[in-house]
Amino acid sequence: MDNIHLRMNMAEMAFQHDEIVDEMEFAIRRFSECCEQLVPHVIMLMNSPMESIRNSAFGFAVEIISQKPQVLT
């Protein structure tokens, strides 16, 4: 998972949004138990000037939320 964070941070610094989306898709599939660690990256993607990237980010957010067990209070 640390390698995923490193690759996403490098892609974010270079504004390579498509690579970030690819890394995010891989991480969600491969490390579904650690999805909450991806939230900062998803939030950054939600602020992208590119509409397709923002749409992908909202899709990732829904996927992460649906994978977390919901606790009723």
PDB file of N, CA and C in Angstrom:
ATOM      1  N   MET A   1       0.826  -1.193   0.000  1.00  0.00           N
ATOM      2  CA  MET A   1       0.000   0.000   0.000  1.00  0.00           C
ATOM      3  C   MET A   1       0.873   1.261   0.000  1.00  0.00           C
ATOM      4  N   ASP A   2       2.016   1.218   0.671  1.00  0.00           N
ATOM      5  CA  ASP A   2       2.913   2.384   0.682  1.00  0.00           C
ATOM      6  C   ASP A   2       3.385   2.727  -0.721  1.00  0.00           C
ATOM      7  N   ASN A   3       3.636   1.708  -1.526  1.00  0.00           N
ATOM      8  CA  ASN A   3       4.056   1.919  -2.908  1.00  0.00           C
ATOM      9  C   ASN A   3       2.954   2.628  -3.699  1.00  0.00           C
ATOM     10  N   ILE A   4       1.707   2.258  -3.446  1.00  0.00           N
ATOM     11  CA  ILE A   4       0.566   2.903  -4.112  1.00  0.00           C
ATOM     12  C   ILE A   4       0.531   4.383  -3.745  1.00  0.00           C
ATOM     13  N   HIS A   5       0.678   4.700  -2.442  1.00  0.00           N
ATOM     14  CA  HIS A   5       0.677   6.104  -2.010  1.00  0.00           C
ATOM     15  C   HIS A   5       1.806   6.882  -2.686  1.00  0.00           C
ATOM     16  N   LEU A   6       2.975   6.293  -2.739  1.00  0.00           N
ATOM     17  CA  LEU A   6       4.115   6.960  -3.358  1.00  0.00           C
ATOM     18  C   LEU A   6       3.853   7.245  -4.834  1.00  0.00           C
ATOM     19  N   ARG A   7       3.349   6.249  -5.565  1.00  0.00           N
ATOM     20  CA  ARG A   7       3.084   6.441  -6.992  1.00  0.00           C
ATOM     21  C   ARG A   7       1.988   7.476  -7.213  1.00  0.00           C
ATOM     22  N   MET A   8       0.958   7.478  -6.356  1.00  0.00           N
ATOM     23  CA  MET A   8      -0.103   8.479  -6.506  1.00  0.00           C
ATOM     24  C   MET A   8       0.419   9.872  -6.191  1.00  0.00           C
ATOM     25  N   ASN A   9       1.237  10.008  -5.153  1.00  0.00           N
ATOM     26  CA  ASN A   9       1.799  11.322  -4.819  1.00  0.00           C
ATOM     27  C   ASN A   9       2.673  11.852  -5.949  1.00  0.00           C
ATOM     28  N   MET A  10       3.462  10.983  -6.559  1.00  0.00           N
ATOM     29  CA  MET A  10       4.304  11.412  -7.677  1.00  0.00           C
ATOM     30  C   MET A  10       3.449  11.846  -8.863  1.00  0.00           C
ATOM     31  N   ALA A  11       2.388  11.103  -9.147  1.00  0.00           N
ATOM     32  CA  ALA A  11       1.501  11.461 -10.253  1.00  0.00           C
ATOM     33  C   ALA A  11       0.773  12.771  -9.960  1.00  0.00           C
ATOM     34  N   GLU A  12       0.372  12.978  -8.689  1.00  0.00           N
ATOM     35  CA  GLU A  12      -0.308  14.221  -8.317  1.00  0.00           C
ATOM     36  C   GLU A  12       0.623  15.417  -8.498  1.00  0.00           C
ATOM     37  N   MET A  13       1.876  15.268  -8.115  1.00  0.00           N
ATOM     38  CA  MET A  13       2.827  16.374  -8.256  1.00  0.00           C
ATOM     39  C   MET A  13       3.061  16.714  -9.720  1.00  0.00           C
ATOM     40  N   ALA A  14       2.971  15.737 -10.583  1.00  0.00           N
ATOM     41  CA  ALA A  14       3.188  15.957 -12.016  1.00  0.00           C
ATOM     42  C   ALA A  14       1.877  16.248 -12.752  1.00  0.00           C
ATOM     43  N   PHE A  15       0.772  16.348 -12.014  1.00  0.00           N
ATOM     44  CA  PHE A  15      -0.550  16.599 -12.590  1.00  0.00           C
ATOM     45  C   PHE A  15      -0.919  15.563 -13.646  1.00  0.00           C
ATOM     46  N   GLN A  16      -0.528  14.328 -13.434  1.00  0.00           N
ATOM     47  CA  GLN A  16      -0.855  13.237 -14.349  1.00  0.00           C
ATOM     48  C   GLN A  16      -2.128  12.557 -13.853  1.00  0.00           C
ATOM     49  N   HIS A  17      -3.241  13.206 -14.103  1.00  0.00           N
ATOM     50  CA  HIS A  17      -4.508  12.767 -13.541  1.00  0.00           C
ATOM     51  C   HIS A  17      -4.923  11.374 -14.006  1.00  0.00           C
ATOM     52  N   ASP A  18      -4.667  11.052 -15.258  1.00  0.00           N
ATOM     53  CA  ASP A  18      -5.054   9.729 -15.748  1.00  0.00           C
ATOM     54  C   ASP A  18      -4.305   8.620 -15.016  1.00  0.00           C
ATOM     55  N   GLU A  19      -3.040   8.844 -14.716  1.00  0.00           N
ATOM     56  CA  GLU A  19      -2.269   7.850 -13.968  1.00  0.00           C
ATOM     57  C   GLU A  19      -2.793   7.708 -12.549  1.00  0.00           C
ATOM     58  N   ILE A  20      -3.212   8.814 -11.947  1.00  0.00           N
ATOM     59  CA  ILE A  20      -3.773   8.761 -10.602  1.00  0.00           C
ATOM     60  C   ILE A  20      -5.035   7.912 -10.607  1.00  0.00           C
ATOM     61  N   VAL A  21      -5.882   8.109 -11.602  1.00  0.00           N
ATOM     62  CA  VAL A  21      -7.121   7.338 -11.701  1.00  0.00           C
ATOM     63  C   VAL A  21      -6.801   5.854 -11.859  1.00  0.00           C
ATOM     64  N   ASP A  22      -5.832   5.527 -12.696  1.00  0.00           N
ATOM     65  CA  ASP A  22      -5.440   4.125 -12.875  1.00  0.00           C
ATOM     66  C   ASP A  22      -4.934   3.515 -11.571  1.00  0.00           C
ATOM     67  N   GLU A  23      -4.107   4.257 -10.850  1.00  0.00           N
ATOM     68  CA  GLU A  23      -3.580   3.767  -9.571  1.00  0.00           C
ATOM     69  C   GLU A  23      -4.707   3.576  -8.560  1.00  0.00           C
ATOM     70  N   MET A  24      -5.657   4.504  -8.558  1.00  0.00           N
ATOM     71  CA  MET A  24      -6.774   4.424  -7.629  1.00  0.00           C
ATOM     72  C   MET A  24      -7.627   3.192  -7.914  1.00  0.00           C
ATOM     73  N   GLU A  25      -7.926   2.947  -9.187  1.00  0.00           N
ATOM     74  CA  GLU A  25      -8.708   1.767  -9.551  1.00  0.00           C
ATOM     75  C   GLU A  25      -8.004   0.495  -9.095  1.00  0.00           C
ATOM     76  N   PHE A  26      -6.696   0.419  -9.327  1.00  0.00           N
ATOM     77  CA  PHE A  26      -5.925  -0.749  -8.913  1.00  0.00           C
ATOM     78  C   PHE A  26      -5.960  -0.908  -7.394  1.00  0.00           C
ATOM     79  N   ALA A  27      -5.732   0.181  -6.670  1.00  0.00           N
ATOM     80  CA  ALA A  27      -5.670   0.112  -5.211  1.00  0.00           C
ATOM     81  C   ALA A  27      -7.003  -0.306  -4.605  1.00  0.00           C
ATOM     82  N   ILE A  28      -8.096   0.193  -5.137  1.00  0.00           N
ATOM     83  CA  ILE A  28      -9.408  -0.158  -4.590  1.00  0.00           C
ATOM     84  C   ILE A  28      -9.688  -1.639  -4.799  1.00  0.00           C
ATOM     85  N   ARG A  29      -9.313  -2.155  -5.967  1.00  0.00           N
ATOM     86  CA  ARG A  29      -9.526  -3.586  -6.223  1.00  0.00           C
ATOM     87  C   ARG A  29      -8.583  -4.458  -5.398  1.00  0.00           C
ATOM     88  N   ARG A  30      -7.332  -4.059  -5.294  1.00  0.00           N
ATOM     89  CA  ARG A  30      -6.310  -4.896  -4.659  1.00  0.00           C
ATOM     90  C   ARG A  30      -6.315  -4.789  -3.141  1.00  0.00           C
ATOM     91  N   PHE A  31      -6.579  -3.601  -2.616  1.00  0.00           N
ATOM     92  CA  PHE A  31      -6.496  -3.367  -1.172  1.00  0.00           C
ATOM     93  C   PHE A  31      -7.825  -2.865  -0.627  1.00  0.00           C
ATOM     94  N   SER A  32      -8.883  -3.599  -0.879  1.00  0.00           N
ATOM     95  CA  SER A  32     -10.217  -3.135  -0.479  1.00  0.00           C
ATOM     96  C   SER A  32     -10.330  -2.918   1.026  1.00  0.00           C
ATOM     97  N   GLU A  33      -9.543  -3.648   1.821  1.00  0.00           N
ATOM     98  CA  GLU A  33      -9.612  -3.489   3.276  1.00  0.00           C
ATOM     99  C   GLU A  33      -8.945  -2.195   3.744  1.00  0.00           C
ATOM    100  N   CYS A  34      -8.188  -1.545   2.884  1.00  0.00           N
ATOM    101  CA  CYS A  34      -7.462  -0.319   3.255  1.00  0.00           C
ATOM    102  C   CYS A  34      -7.985   0.912   2.520  1.00  0.00           C
ATOM    103  N   CYS A  35      -9.183   0.850   2.004  1.00  0.00           N
ATOM    104  CA  CYS A  35      -9.696   1.935   1.163  1.00  0.00           C
ATOM    105  C   CYS A  35      -9.745   3.284   1.863  1.00  0.00           C
ATOM    106  N   GLU A  36      -9.940   3.287   3.190  1.00  0.00           N
ATOM    107  CA  GLU A  36     -10.031   4.576   3.880  1.00  0.00           C
ATOM    108  C   GLU A  36      -8.726   5.358   3.764  1.00  0.00           C
ATOM    109  N   GLN A  37      -7.611   4.679   3.515  1.00  0.00           N
ATOM    110  CA  GLN A  37      -6.335   5.366   3.332  1.00  0.00           C
ATOM    111  C   GLN A  37      -6.286   6.135   2.014  1.00  0.00           C
ATOM    112  N   LEU A  38      -7.187   5.814   1.097  1.00  0.00           N
ATOM    113  CA  LEU A  38      -7.202   6.468  -0.213  1.00  0.00           C
ATOM    114  C   LEU A  38      -8.034   7.748  -0.229  1.00  0.00           C
ATOM    115  N   VAL A  39      -8.758   8.020   0.849  1.00  0.00           N
ATOM    116  CA  VAL A  39      -9.667   9.167   0.885  1.00  0.00           C
ATOM    117  C   VAL A  39      -8.964  10.489   0.552  1.00  0.00           C
ATOM    118  N   PRO A  40      -7.769  10.791   1.096  1.00  0.00           N
ATOM    119  CA  PRO A  40      -7.120  12.067   0.721  1.00  0.00           C
ATOM    120  C   PRO A  40      -6.866  12.185  -0.783  1.00  0.00           C
ATOM    121  N   HIS A  41      -6.511  11.075  -1.417  1.00  0.00           N
ATOM    122  CA  HIS A  41      -6.280  11.102  -2.864  1.00  0.00           C
ATOM    123  C   HIS A  41      -7.593  11.335  -3.618  1.00  0.00           C
ATOM    124  N   VAL A  42      -8.669  10.718  -3.131  1.00  0.00           N
ATOM    125  CA  VAL A  42      -9.979  10.899  -3.769  1.00  0.00           C
ATOM    126  C   VAL A  42     -10.405  12.356  -3.664  1.00  0.00           C
ATOM    127  N   ILE A  43     -10.218  12.950  -2.495  1.00  0.00           N
ATOM    128  CA  ILE A  43     -10.594  14.355  -2.302  1.00  0.00           C
ATOM    129  C   ILE A  43      -9.794  15.254  -3.240  1.00  0.00           C
ATOM    130  N   MET A  44      -8.498  14.965  -3.412  1.00  0.00           N
ATOM    131  CA  MET A  44      -7.686  15.763  -4.326  1.00  0.00           C
ATOM    132  C   MET A  44      -8.219  15.641  -5.755  1.00  0.00           C
ATOM    133  N   LEU A  45      -8.602  14.425  -6.154  1.00  0.00           N
ATOM    134  CA  LEU A  45      -9.144  14.227  -7.501  1.00  0.00           C
ATOM    135  C   LEU A  45     -10.470  14.956  -7.687  1.00  0.00           C
ATOM    136  N   MET A  46     -11.260  15.076  -6.619  1.00  0.00           N
ATOM    137  CA  MET A  46     -12.546  15.772  -6.709  1.00  0.00           C
ATOM    138  C   MET A  46     -12.357  17.252  -7.031  1.00  0.00           C
ATOM    139  N   ASN A  47     -11.181  17.782  -6.758  1.00  0.00           N
ATOM    140  CA  ASN A  47     -10.888  19.191  -7.038  1.00  0.00           C
ATOM    141  C   ASN A  47     -10.204  19.403  -8.381  1.00  0.00           C
ATOM    142  N   SER A  48     -10.118  18.358  -9.184  1.00  0.00           N
ATOM    143  CA  SER A  48      -9.459  18.450 -10.487  1.00  0.00           C
ATOM    144  C   SER A  48     -10.227  19.389 -11.415  1.00  0.00           C
ATOM    145  N   PRO A  49      -9.516  20.129 -12.258  1.00  0.00           N
ATOM    146  CA  PRO A  49     -10.202  20.974 -13.240  1.00  0.00           C
ATOM    147  C   PRO A  49     -10.828  20.160 -14.378  1.00  0.00           C
ATOM    148  N   MET A  50     -10.485  18.886 -14.475  1.00  0.00           N
ATOM    149  CA  MET A  50     -11.003  18.040 -15.553  1.00  0.00           C
ATOM    150  C   MET A  50     -12.258  17.304 -15.082  1.00  0.00           C
ATOM    151  N   GLU A  51     -13.347  17.486 -15.811  1.00  0.00           N
ATOM    152  CA  GLU A  51     -14.622  16.901 -15.410  1.00  0.00           C
ATOM    153  C   GLU A  51     -14.569  15.377 -15.348  1.00  0.00           C
ATOM    154  N   SER A  52     -13.907  14.744 -16.292  1.00  0.00           N
ATOM    155  CA  SER A  52     -13.847  13.278 -16.293  1.00  0.00           C
ATOM    156  C   SER A  52     -13.112  12.749 -15.060  1.00  0.00           C
ATOM    157  N   ILE A  53     -12.105  13.475 -14.606  1.00  0.00           N
ATOM    158  CA  ILE A  53     -11.364  13.068 -13.405  1.00  0.00           C
ATOM    159  C   ILE A  53     -12.239  13.248 -12.171  1.00  0.00           C
ATOM    160  N   ARG A  54     -12.968  14.370 -12.105  1.00  0.00           N
ATOM    161  CA  ARG A  54     -13.887  14.579 -10.977  1.00  0.00           C
ATOM    162  C   ARG A  54     -14.941  13.486 -10.931  1.00  0.00           C
ATOM    163  N   ASN A  55     -15.483  13.114 -12.089  1.00  0.00           N
ATOM    164  CA  ASN A  55     -16.480  12.046 -12.140  1.00  0.00           C
ATOM    165  C   ASN A  55     -15.900  10.736 -11.630  1.00  0.00           C
ATOM    166  N   SER A  56     -14.680  10.426 -12.025  1.00  0.00           N
ATOM    167  CA  SER A  56     -14.024   9.208 -11.537  1.00  0.00           C
ATOM    168  C   SER A  56     -13.857   9.260 -10.024  1.00  0.00           C
ATOM    169  N   ALA A  57     -13.476  10.416  -9.503  1.00  0.00           N
ATOM    170  CA  ALA A  57     -13.275  10.562  -8.062  1.00  0.00           C
ATOM    171  C   ALA A  57     -14.568  10.325  -7.296  1.00  0.00           C
ATOM    172  N   PHE A  58     -15.671  10.866  -7.784  1.00  0.00           N
ATOM    173  CA  PHE A  58     -16.941  10.639  -7.100  1.00  0.00           C
ATOM    174  C   PHE A  58     -17.329   9.165  -7.159  1.00  0.00           C
ATOM    175  N   GLY A  59     -17.014   8.500  -8.264  1.00  0.00           N
ATOM    176  CA  GLY A  59     -17.250   7.059  -8.357  1.00  0.00           C
ATOM    177  C   GLY A  59     -16.415   6.291  -7.344  1.00  0.00           C
ATOM    178  N   PHE A  60     -15.147   6.705  -7.173  1.00  0.00           N
ATOM    179  CA  PHE A  60     -14.294   6.064  -6.180  1.00  0.00           C
ATOM    180  C   PHE A  60     -14.846   6.283  -4.777  1.00  0.00           C
ATOM    181  N   ALA A  61     -15.333   7.489  -4.507  1.00  0.00           N
ATOM    182  CA  ALA A  61     -15.889   7.783  -3.187  1.00  0.00           C
ATOM    183  C   ALA A  61     -17.066   6.868  -2.887  1.00  0.00           C
ATOM    184  N   VAL A  62     -17.946   6.692  -3.851  1.00  0.00           N
ATOM    185  CA  VAL A  62     -19.098   5.805  -3.664  1.00  0.00           C
ATOM    186  C   VAL A  62     -18.624   4.373  -3.425  1.00  0.00           C
ATOM    187  N   GLU A  63     -17.632   3.941  -4.180  1.00  0.00           N
ATOM    188  CA  GLU A  63     -17.110   2.582  -4.027  1.00  0.00           C
ATOM    189  C   GLU A  63     -16.481   2.382  -2.648  1.00  0.00           C
ATOM    190  N   ILE A  64     -15.728   3.364  -2.181  1.00  0.00           N
ATOM    191  CA  ILE A  64     -15.104   3.267  -0.858  1.00  0.00           C
ATOM    192  C   ILE A  64     -16.170   3.232   0.225  1.00  0.00           C
ATOM    193  N   ILE A  65     -17.168   4.090   0.108  1.00  0.00           N
ATOM    194  CA  ILE A  65     -18.246   4.121   1.101  1.00  0.00           C
ATOM    195  C   ILE A  65     -18.993   2.801   1.119  1.00  0.00           C
ATOM    196  N   SER A  66     -19.252   2.231  -0.045  1.00  0.00           N
ATOM    197  CA  SER A  66     -20.015   0.980  -0.102  1.00  0.00           C
ATOM    198  C   SER A  66     -19.217  -0.199   0.449  1.00  0.00           C
ATOM    199  N   GLN A  67     -17.892  -0.114   0.473  1.00  0.00           N
ATOM    200  CA  GLN A  67     -17.073  -1.199   1.010  1.00  0.00           C
ATOM    201  C   GLN A  67     -16.932  -1.133   2.521  1.00  0.00           C
ATOM    202  N   LYS A  68     -17.174   0.020   3.106  1.00  0.00           N
ATOM    203  CA  LYS A  68     -17.073   0.164   4.556  1.00  0.00           C
ATOM    204  C   LYS A  68     -18.357  -0.328   5.203  1.00  0.00           C
ATOM    205  N   PRO A  69     -18.251  -1.141   6.255  1.00  0.00           N
ATOM    206  CA  PRO A  69     -19.470  -1.553   6.960  1.00  0.00           C
ATOM    207  C   PRO A  69     -20.130  -0.340   7.606  1.00  0.00           C
ATOM    208  N   GLN A  70     -21.423  -0.235   7.437  1.00  0.00           N
ATOM    209  CA  GLN A  70     -22.158   0.897   7.990  1.00  0.00           C
ATOM    210  C   GLN A  70     -22.582   0.586   9.421  1.00  0.00           C
ATOM    211  N   VAL A  71     -22.360   1.528  10.314  1.00  0.00           N
ATOM    212  CA  VAL A  71     -22.717   1.364  11.717  1.00  0.00           C
ATOM    213  C   VAL A  71     -23.883   2.291  12.008  1.00  0.00           C
ATOM    214  N   LEU A  72     -24.967   1.711  12.473  1.00  0.00           N
ATOM    215  CA  LEU A  72     -26.138   2.512  12.825  1.00  0.00           C
ATOM    216  C   LEU A  72     -26.033   2.932  14.277  1.00  0.00           C
ATOM    217  N   THR A  73     -26.316   4.206  14.535  1.00  0.00           N
ATOM    218  CA  THR A  73     -26.262   4.684  15.917  1.00  0.00           C
ATOM    219  C   THR A  73     -27.626   5.068  16.392  1.00  0.00           C
TER     220      THR A  73
END
